[in-house]
Protein backbone atom coordinates (compact mmCIF):
# COMPACT_ATOMS: atom_id res chain seq x y z
CA UNK A 1 7.10 30.68 -10.78
CA UNK A 2 7.65 29.45 -7.35
CA UNK A 3 11.19 28.56 -6.03
CA UNK A 4 11.71 25.40 -3.96
CA UNK A 5 14.74 23.55 -3.24
CA UNK A 6 12.57 20.38 -2.50
CA UNK A 7 9.37 19.72 -4.37
CA UNK A 8 7.50 16.69 -2.83
CA UNK A 9 4.23 15.47 -5.02
CA UNK A 10 1.81 13.89 -2.40
CA UNK A 11 0.45 14.78 0.87
CA UNK A 12 0.30 11.29 2.59
CA UNK A 13 2.38 9.78 5.35
CA UNK A 14 5.24 9.02 2.95
CA UNK A 15 5.21 12.81 2.10
CA UNK A 16 5.16 13.97 5.76
CA UNK A 17 7.91 11.32 6.72
CA UNK A 18 10.00 13.05 3.86
CA UNK A 19 9.70 16.39 5.49
CA UNK A 20 10.92 15.07 8.53
CA UNK A 21 14.06 13.14 6.70
CA UNK A 22 15.00 16.57 5.11
CA UNK A 23 14.78 18.75 8.31
CA UNK A 24 17.12 16.12 9.95
CA UNK A 25 19.85 17.41 7.59
CA UNK A 26 18.58 20.58 6.47
CA UNK A 27 16.67 23.09 8.66
CA UNK A 28 16.36 26.09 6.26
CA UNK A 29 15.88 24.51 2.69
CA UNK A 30 12.65 25.42 1.18
CA UNK A 31 9.97 22.81 1.09
CA UNK A 32 6.61 22.62 -1.14
CA UNK A 33 4.17 20.03 -0.56
CA UNK A 34 1.34 19.48 -2.99
CA UNK A 35 -1.61 17.25 -2.24
CA UNK A 36 -4.65 16.44 -3.96
CA UNK A 37 -6.33 16.20 -0.49
CA UNK A 38 -7.79 19.15 1.20
CA UNK A 39 -6.27 18.12 4.43
CA UNK A 40 -2.84 17.99 5.60
CA UNK A 41 -0.87 14.84 6.19
CA UNK A 42 -2.54 12.43 8.74
CA UNK A 43 -2.32 8.64 10.06
CA UNK A 44 -4.08 6.66 7.54
CA UNK A 45 -4.60 3.02 9.38
CA UNK A 46 -6.95 4.65 11.93
CA UNK A 47 -9.75 5.35 9.15
CA UNK A 48 -10.08 1.72 9.55
CA UNK A 49 -9.03 0.82 12.90
CA UNK A 50 -8.80 3.05 15.81
CA UNK A 51 -11.33 5.92 14.60
CA UNK A 52 -14.07 3.25 14.77
CA UNK A 53 -12.98 2.37 18.48
CA UNK A 54 -12.91 5.71 20.10
CA UNK A 55 -9.79 7.35 19.16
CA UNK A 56 -10.13 10.83 18.48
CA UNK A 57 -9.62 12.43 15.19
CA UNK A 58 -7.46 15.09 16.54
CA UNK A 59 -4.79 12.16 17.25
CA UNK A 60 -4.24 11.44 13.61
CA UNK A 61 -2.69 14.68 12.50
CA UNK A 62 1.03 14.75 12.01
CA UNK A 63 1.90 18.19 12.42
CA UNK A 64 3.55 18.64 9.23
CA UNK A 65 3.36 22.51 9.12
CA UNK A 66 5.50 22.65 12.18
CA UNK A 67 8.35 21.96 10.03
CA UNK A 68 8.39 25.13 8.01
CA UNK A 69 6.76 23.87 4.99
CA UNK A 70 4.61 25.49 2.23
CA UNK A 71 1.51 23.28 1.58
CA UNK A 72 -0.58 23.42 -1.39
CA UNK A 73 -3.65 21.19 -0.65
CA UNK A 74 -6.62 20.45 -2.84
CA UNK A 75 -4.77 20.73 -5.95
CA UNK A 76 -3.06 18.13 -8.21
CA UNK A 77 0.12 18.13 -10.05
CA UNK A 78 -0.79 18.14 -13.90
CA UNK A 79 2.80 17.77 -15.28
CA UNK A 80 6.33 17.67 -14.49
CA UNK A 81 9.14 18.85 -16.93
CA UNK A 82 12.12 17.19 -15.90
CA UNK A 83 14.64 18.94 -18.07
CA UNK A 84 13.57 22.38 -16.74
CA UNK A 85 12.85 20.84 -13.37
CA UNK A 86 9.37 22.17 -13.29
CA UNK A 87 6.08 21.17 -12.35
CA UNK A 88 2.24 22.68 -12.84
CA UNK A 89 -0.70 22.22 -11.06
CA UNK A 90 -4.46 22.02 -11.58
CA UNK A 91 -4.68 25.77 -10.39
CA UNK A 92 -2.17 26.75 -13.18
CA UNK A 93 0.78 27.39 -10.51
CA UNK A 94 4.34 26.68 -11.50
CA UNK A 95 7.02 25.50 -9.41
CA UNK A 96 10.65 25.31 -10.01
CA UNK A 97 12.78 22.50 -7.83
CA UNK A 98 16.08 21.46 -7.31
CA UNK A 99 15.38 18.01 -6.04
CA UNK A 100 11.75 16.24 -6.13
CA UNK A 101 10.08 13.18 -4.73
CA UNK A 102 6.88 11.40 -6.16
CA UNK A 103 5.05 10.28 -2.97
CA UNK A 104 1.84 10.17 -5.00
CA UNK A 105 0.37 6.75 -3.25
CA UNK A 106 -2.14 4.80 -4.65
CA UNK A 107 -5.77 5.03 -5.74
CA UNK A 108 -8.47 2.27 -4.97
CA UNK A 109 -9.83 -0.18 -7.46
CA UNK A 110 -13.36 0.58 -8.51
CA UNK A 111 -15.81 -1.58 -9.58
CA UNK A 112 -16.88 -1.52 -12.98
CA UNK A 113 -20.38 -0.82 -12.20
CA UNK A 114 -19.99 1.77 -9.96
CA UNK A 115 -22.25 4.96 -10.52
CA UNK A 116 -20.85 6.98 -7.64
CA UNK A 117 -22.68 5.04 -4.88
CA UNK A 118 -19.85 2.93 -3.52
CA UNK A 119 -17.74 4.03 -0.87
CA UNK A 120 -14.12 3.34 -1.06
CA UNK A 121 -12.23 3.95 2.05
CA UNK A 122 -9.01 5.65 1.32
CA UNK A 123 -8.97 9.22 2.75
CA UNK A 124 -10.04 11.24 5.61
CA UNK A 125 -13.10 12.24 3.65
CA UNK A 126 -14.08 8.51 2.87
CA UNK A 127 -14.10 7.75 6.21
CA UNK A 128 -16.21 11.11 7.47
CA UNK A 129 -18.80 9.97 4.84
CA UNK A 130 -19.15 6.50 5.90
CA UNK A 131 -19.23 7.75 9.28
CA UNK A 132 -22.05 9.86 8.71
CA UNK A 133 -24.06 7.05 6.90
CA UNK A 134 -23.46 4.81 10.01
CA UNK A 135 -25.16 7.31 12.26
CA UNK A 136 -27.99 7.36 9.71
CA UNK A 137 -28.09 3.70 8.42
CA UNK A 138 -28.27 0.03 9.46
CA UNK A 139 -27.43 -2.16 6.57
CA UNK A 140 -24.28 -2.16 5.15
CA UNK A 141 -22.52 -4.59 2.31
CA UNK A 142 -18.73 -4.86 2.26
CA UNK A 143 -17.52 -6.00 -0.99
CA UNK A 144 -13.96 -7.71 -0.71
CA UNK A 145 -12.43 -9.81 2.09
CA UNK A 146 -8.85 -8.56 2.01
CA UNK A 147 -7.07 -6.25 4.08
CA UNK A 148 -9.50 -3.23 4.05
CA UNK A 149 -12.52 -5.25 3.70
CA UNK A 150 -12.13 -7.25 6.77
CA UNK A 151 -11.06 -4.28 8.67
CA UNK A 152 -14.00 -2.36 7.70
CA UNK A 153 -16.53 -5.02 8.26
CA UNK A 154 -15.44 -5.52 11.75
CA UNK A 155 -15.55 -1.77 12.19
CA UNK A 156 -18.84 -1.18 11.32
CA UNK A 157 -20.38 -4.63 13.19
CA UNK A 158 -18.69 -3.19 16.26
CA UNK A 159 -20.80 -0.28 15.64
CA UNK A 160 -23.90 -2.29 15.64
CA UNK A 161 -24.41 -2.36 12.31
CA UNK A 162 -25.93 -5.21 10.34
CA UNK A 163 -22.89 -6.17 7.80
CA UNK A 164 -22.95 -8.62 5.01
CA UNK A 165 -19.49 -9.40 3.19
CA UNK A 166 -19.38 -10.53 -0.16
CA UNK A 167 -16.31 -11.82 -2.00
CA UNK A 168 -15.03 -14.59 -4.47
CA UNK A 169 -12.61 -16.20 -2.31
CA UNK A 170 -13.63 -19.32 -0.04
CA UNK A 171 -12.71 -17.30 3.24
CA UNK A 172 -11.71 -14.20 4.54
CA UNK A 173 -8.03 -13.46 3.65
CA UNK A 174 -7.75 -16.62 1.54
CA UNK A 175 -5.08 -15.03 -0.54
CA UNK A 176 -2.82 -14.57 2.60
CA UNK A 177 -3.77 -16.97 5.39
CA UNK A 178 -3.60 -20.95 5.12
CA UNK A 179 -6.94 -22.51 4.66
CA UNK A 180 -7.38 -23.25 8.12
CA UNK A 181 -7.14 -20.01 9.65
CA UNK A 182 -9.16 -18.62 6.74
CA UNK A 183 -12.16 -20.75 7.79
CA UNK A 184 -11.74 -20.10 11.30
CA UNK A 185 -12.13 -16.43 10.49
CA UNK A 186 -14.94 -16.65 8.81
CA UNK A 187 -16.61 -18.49 11.71
CA UNK A 188 -15.59 -15.96 13.96
CA UNK A 189 -17.08 -13.21 11.82
CA UNK A 190 -20.46 -15.19 11.60
CA UNK A 191 -20.27 -15.20 15.49
CA UNK A 192 -19.58 -11.50 15.53
CA UNK A 193 -23.09 -11.42 13.48
CA UNK A 194 -21.61 -10.44 10.00
CA UNK A 195 -23.37 -12.29 7.33
CA UNK A 196 -20.88 -14.14 4.85
CA UNK A 197 -21.43 -14.59 1.19
CA UNK A 198 -18.21 -16.16 -0.24
CA UNK A 199 -17.67 -17.57 -3.79
CA UNK A 200 -19.67 -15.11 -5.11
CA UNK A 201 -19.53 -11.85 -6.95
CA UNK A 202 -21.72 -8.62 -7.32
CA UNK A 203 -23.99 -8.91 -10.51
CA UNK A 204 -25.96 -5.78 -10.33
CA UNK A 205 -26.98 -2.50 -8.29
CA UNK A 206 -29.98 -0.92 -8.53
CA UNK A 207 -30.68 2.26 -6.34
CA UNK A 208 -34.40 2.63 -4.90
CA UNK A 209 -35.18 5.60 -2.71
CA UNK A 210 -32.93 5.34 0.07
CA UNK A 211 -31.57 1.97 -0.34
CA UNK A 212 -30.01 -0.46 -2.67
CA UNK A 213 -31.18 -3.64 -4.49
CA UNK A 214 -28.44 -6.05 -4.87
CA UNK A 215 -28.08 -9.31 -6.89
CA UNK A 216 -25.10 -11.49 -6.91
CA UNK A 217 -23.62 -13.87 -9.75
CA UNK A 218 -25.21 -17.19 -7.74
CA UNK A 219 -28.64 -15.45 -7.65
CA UNK A 220 -28.68 -14.05 -4.28
CA UNK A 221 -30.74 -10.89 -3.65
CA UNK A 222 -29.89 -8.55 -1.01
CA UNK A 223 -31.43 -4.97 0.31
CA UNK A 224 -28.76 -2.67 1.94
CA UNK A 225 -28.53 0.85 2.76
CA UNK A 226 -24.91 1.45 1.76
CA UNK A 227 -22.20 -0.19 0.14
CA UNK A 228 -18.46 -0.09 0.93
CA UNK A 229 -15.67 -1.78 -1.35
CA UNK A 230 -12.08 -2.96 -0.48
CA UNK A 231 -11.21 -4.68 -3.85
CA UNK A 232 -7.45 -3.40 -3.81
CA UNK A 233 -5.32 -0.13 -4.96
CA UNK A 234 -3.24 0.72 -7.91
CA UNK A 235 -0.18 2.75 -7.80
CA UNK A 236 -0.45 6.50 -8.84
CA UNK A 237 2.39 6.55 -11.44
CA UNK A 238 0.74 8.04 -14.60
CA UNK A 239 2.27 11.57 -13.70
CA UNK A 240 5.96 9.95 -13.53
CA UNK A 241 5.35 8.09 -16.87
CA UNK A 242 4.31 11.19 -18.46
CA UNK A 243 7.51 12.90 -17.18
CA UNK A 244 9.64 9.89 -18.67
CA UNK A 245 10.33 8.10 -15.66
CA UNK A 246 10.94 4.29 -15.59
CA UNK A 247 7.92 2.45 -14.60
CA UNK A 248 7.47 -1.26 -13.74
CA UNK A 249 4.44 -1.93 -11.13
CA UNK A 250 5.00 1.70 -9.72
CA UNK A 251 7.87 3.81 -10.15
CA UNK A 252 11.50 2.05 -10.35
CA UNK A 253 13.89 3.13 -7.64
CA UNK A 254 17.29 2.12 -6.82
CA UNK A 255 18.41 1.48 -3.11
CA UNK A 256 19.18 5.58 -2.94
CA UNK A 257 15.31 5.61 -3.83
CA UNK A 258 16.70 7.67 -6.81
CA UNK A 259 14.36 7.24 -10.00
CA UNK A 260 15.77 7.09 -13.55
CA UNK A 261 16.13 10.98 -13.45
CA UNK A 262 19.17 11.77 -10.93
CA UNK A 263 17.45 14.66 -8.97
CA UNK A 264 14.08 12.68 -8.72
CA UNK A 265 13.24 10.20 -6.17
CA UNK A 266 10.08 7.86 -5.16
CA UNK A 267 8.97 6.27 -2.14
CA UNK A 268 5.92 4.66 -0.54
CA UNK A 269 3.08 3.03 -2.02
CA UNK A 270 4.09 3.95 -5.57
CA UNK A 271 7.67 2.87 -5.30
CA UNK A 272 9.05 -0.36 -6.71
CA UNK A 273 12.27 -1.21 -4.94
CA UNK A 274 14.66 -3.87 -4.65
CA UNK A 275 14.72 -5.61 -1.22
CA UNK A 276 17.64 -7.68 -0.31
CA UNK A 277 16.00 -10.07 2.37
CA UNK A 278 13.40 -11.31 -0.18
CA UNK A 279 15.91 -11.04 -3.30
CA UNK A 280 13.38 -9.29 -5.36
CA UNK A 281 11.60 -5.95 -6.28
CA UNK A 282 8.56 -5.33 -4.33
CA UNK A 283 5.99 -2.55 -3.99
CA UNK A 284 4.73 -2.13 -0.48
CA UNK A 285 1.31 -0.47 0.63
CA UNK A 286 1.46 -0.20 4.43
CA UNK A 287 2.21 2.53 7.04
CA UNK A 288 5.78 1.21 8.23
CA UNK A 289 7.03 1.45 4.45
CA UNK A 290 5.73 4.54 4.28
CA UNK A 291 7.08 5.79 7.38
CA UNK A 292 10.62 4.20 6.90
CA UNK A 293 11.27 5.04 3.26
CA UNK A 294 9.76 8.18 3.11
CA UNK A 295 12.17 9.52 5.97
CA UNK A 296 15.09 7.79 3.97
CA UNK A 297 13.98 9.47 0.51
CA UNK A 298 14.00 12.63 2.80
CA UNK A 299 17.44 12.23 3.73
CA UNK A 300 18.47 11.31 0.23
CA UNK A 301 16.75 14.48 -1.16
CA UNK A 302 18.99 16.45 1.30
CA UNK A 303 22.29 15.08 0.15
CA UNK A 304 22.63 11.63 2.42
CA UNK A 305 23.98 8.74 0.93
CA UNK A 306 21.36 6.16 1.60
CA UNK A 307 20.76 2.67 1.02
CA UNK A 308 16.90 1.28 1.50
CA UNK A 309 17.13 -2.43 2.68
CA UNK A 310 14.56 -2.22 5.19
CA UNK A 311 11.90 -5.04 4.94
CA UNK A 312 8.66 -3.36 6.25
CA UNK A 313 6.10 -5.20 8.23
CA UNK A 314 2.01 -4.56 8.35
CA UNK A 315 -0.71 -5.64 10.66
CA UNK A 316 -4.15 -5.49 11.07
CA UNK A 317 -7.22 -5.68 13.73
CA UNK A 318 -10.33 -8.07 13.30
CA UNK A 319 -12.49 -7.71 16.04
CA UNK A 320 -10.60 -8.71 19.18
CA UNK A 321 -7.84 -10.52 16.88
CA UNK A 322 -4.96 -8.91 15.64
CA UNK A 323 -1.70 -9.90 13.80
CA UNK A 324 1.63 -8.44 12.56
CA UNK A 325 3.14 -9.67 9.53
CA UNK A 326 6.42 -9.67 7.65
CA UNK A 327 7.76 -10.72 4.29
CA UNK A 328 5.56 -12.73 1.62
CA UNK A 329 2.44 -14.17 2.90
CA UNK A 330 0.98 -16.22 0.21
CA UNK A 331 -1.57 -18.83 0.83
CA UNK A 332 -0.26 -21.26 -2.01
CA UNK A 333 3.23 -21.27 -0.28
CA UNK A 334 3.78 -24.31 2.10
CA UNK A 335 3.00 -23.26 5.65
CA UNK A 336 4.24 -24.48 9.09
CA UNK A 337 2.30 -23.24 12.30
CA UNK A 338 3.34 -23.13 15.72
CA UNK A 339 0.48 -22.55 17.88
CA UNK A 340 0.63 -21.51 21.47
CA UNK A 341 -3.18 -21.74 21.45
CA UNK A 342 -4.80 -23.22 18.17
CA UNK A 343 -6.04 -20.74 15.68
CA UNK A 344 -5.85 -18.12 18.28
CA UNK A 345 -2.27 -17.46 18.94
CA UNK A 346 0.71 -18.30 17.46
CA UNK A 347 3.43 -17.95 14.26
CA UNK A 348 2.67 -19.02 10.82
CA UNK A 349 5.89 -19.38 8.60
CA UNK A 350 5.40 -19.39 4.85
CA UNK A 351 7.99 -21.37 3.12
CA UNK A 352 9.36 -21.60 -0.70
CA UNK A 353 11.67 -24.00 -1.63
CA UNK A 354 12.41 -24.86 2.02
CA UNK A 355 13.03 -21.36 3.16
CA UNK A 356 11.12 -18.78 4.95
CA UNK A 357 9.81 -15.98 2.98
CA UNK A 358 7.07 -14.40 5.41
CA UNK A 359 5.98 -14.71 9.07
CA UNK A 360 2.40 -14.38 10.37
CA UNK A 361 2.43 -13.34 13.88
CA UNK A 362 -1.18 -14.32 15.01
CA UNK A 363 -2.08 -12.37 18.25
CA UNK A 364 1.76 -12.23 18.98
CA UNK A 365 3.33 -8.97 19.58
CA UNK A 366 6.82 -7.20 19.80
CA UNK A 367 8.23 -10.12 17.90
CA UNK A 368 8.55 -8.74 14.38
CA UNK A 369 12.08 -8.03 14.66
CA UNK A 370 12.94 -11.68 15.27
CA UNK A 371 10.80 -12.60 12.59
CA UNK A 372 12.50 -10.30 10.02
CA UNK A 373 15.81 -11.67 10.90
CA UNK A 374 14.45 -15.26 10.21
CA UNK A 375 13.51 -13.94 6.40
CA UNK A 376 16.91 -12.21 6.34
CA UNK A 377 18.91 -15.40 6.99
CA UNK A 378 16.64 -17.50 4.58
CA UNK A 379 17.94 -20.78 5.58
CA UNK A 380 15.75 -23.92 5.24
CA UNK A 381 13.28 -24.75 7.81
CA UNK A 382 15.02 -27.85 8.88
CA UNK A 383 17.97 -25.82 10.12
CA UNK A 384 15.42 -23.19 11.77
CA UNK A 385 13.97 -26.11 13.64
CA UNK A 386 17.11 -27.60 14.90
CA UNK A 387 18.72 -24.21 15.71
CA UNK A 388 15.23 -23.32 17.69
CA UNK A 389 16.27 -20.35 19.42
CA UNK A 390 14.52 -17.87 17.03
CA UNK A 391 11.38 -19.72 16.60
CA UNK A 392 11.03 -20.53 20.33
CA UNK A 393 11.87 -16.90 21.27
CA UNK A 394 8.82 -15.67 18.97
CA UNK A 395 6.45 -18.08 20.64
CA UNK A 396 7.81 -16.85 24.07
CA UNK A 397 5.75 -14.44 26.30
């Protein structure tokens, strides 16, 4: 039996941030970090962004080991007994803890007819496999037009590969962006050489020698060398559920990030928390939340009385376009756009019952704090227009 003051289950950005949070308050308490991945914690966004544009892989590592952490990599926690405060991993090792953090993240949704040939870009090893294919192959099918699908399609095209996107929506980002912006992105991707197959689904895949035959529900037929899918993720809460923790679209936590057990916490992609700015429970799968929530959870583990009220933001790179966004972005909401350059630079406000629920900053940077304040105030848009100063400050250089 290994004895630890803190046990962190998971090895992603949230886990690393929790280590930082612990060490800001407790520089000697023993920490164990158990991760299914064979690699120590690293920054995940470069897998679909910077690493395709020349960022060195040496720049992604987070240096977790320098904080005196025992890392057990390439192994999975198979059971947690909360009554005994014990965990067992896939190699049969047992751990006793005083405090525990579930930072188990999320796993990619897989297509029902996947026989192991489809790449889901979630880990460093996935990236490395895809990078190897890019060095050998030319024709790539990207399934999905959401966050990951749009990024990886752009990354592959920037690496001079023939890319086809297949997705059921009318346009890229159709669930998030207003229709005119989504249609513009479709045209933009086509101008960059990406074939767009919208309003269609994958019907079957047949592997032949070193390529794949593809057929869609609309009868389209393709020949590709590799297939990448970005069709969403699901939170990894089965271990927590089996341990008896309260579950609901993730692991339920209070504002102290404590689960239904007083000595067990959860953070990151897997945590379902209440956000006062939106006045609802949310679960966020982005870097900013992993970093802030992870550190806050670490502080809570080390005994600080915390209150996680932070509204995280997210961002993306799409060829030479990019954005930062915060709050609820739903294409079904009423939207009001303020363009500095139509469809190229501006801010889009998402309204529900006349109040700002989300802000998309399209090619506008370093304005996220102002946008966060607009959502926090949650005043009607008519008042925002008459007050003017906050929206005007977003649009200024």
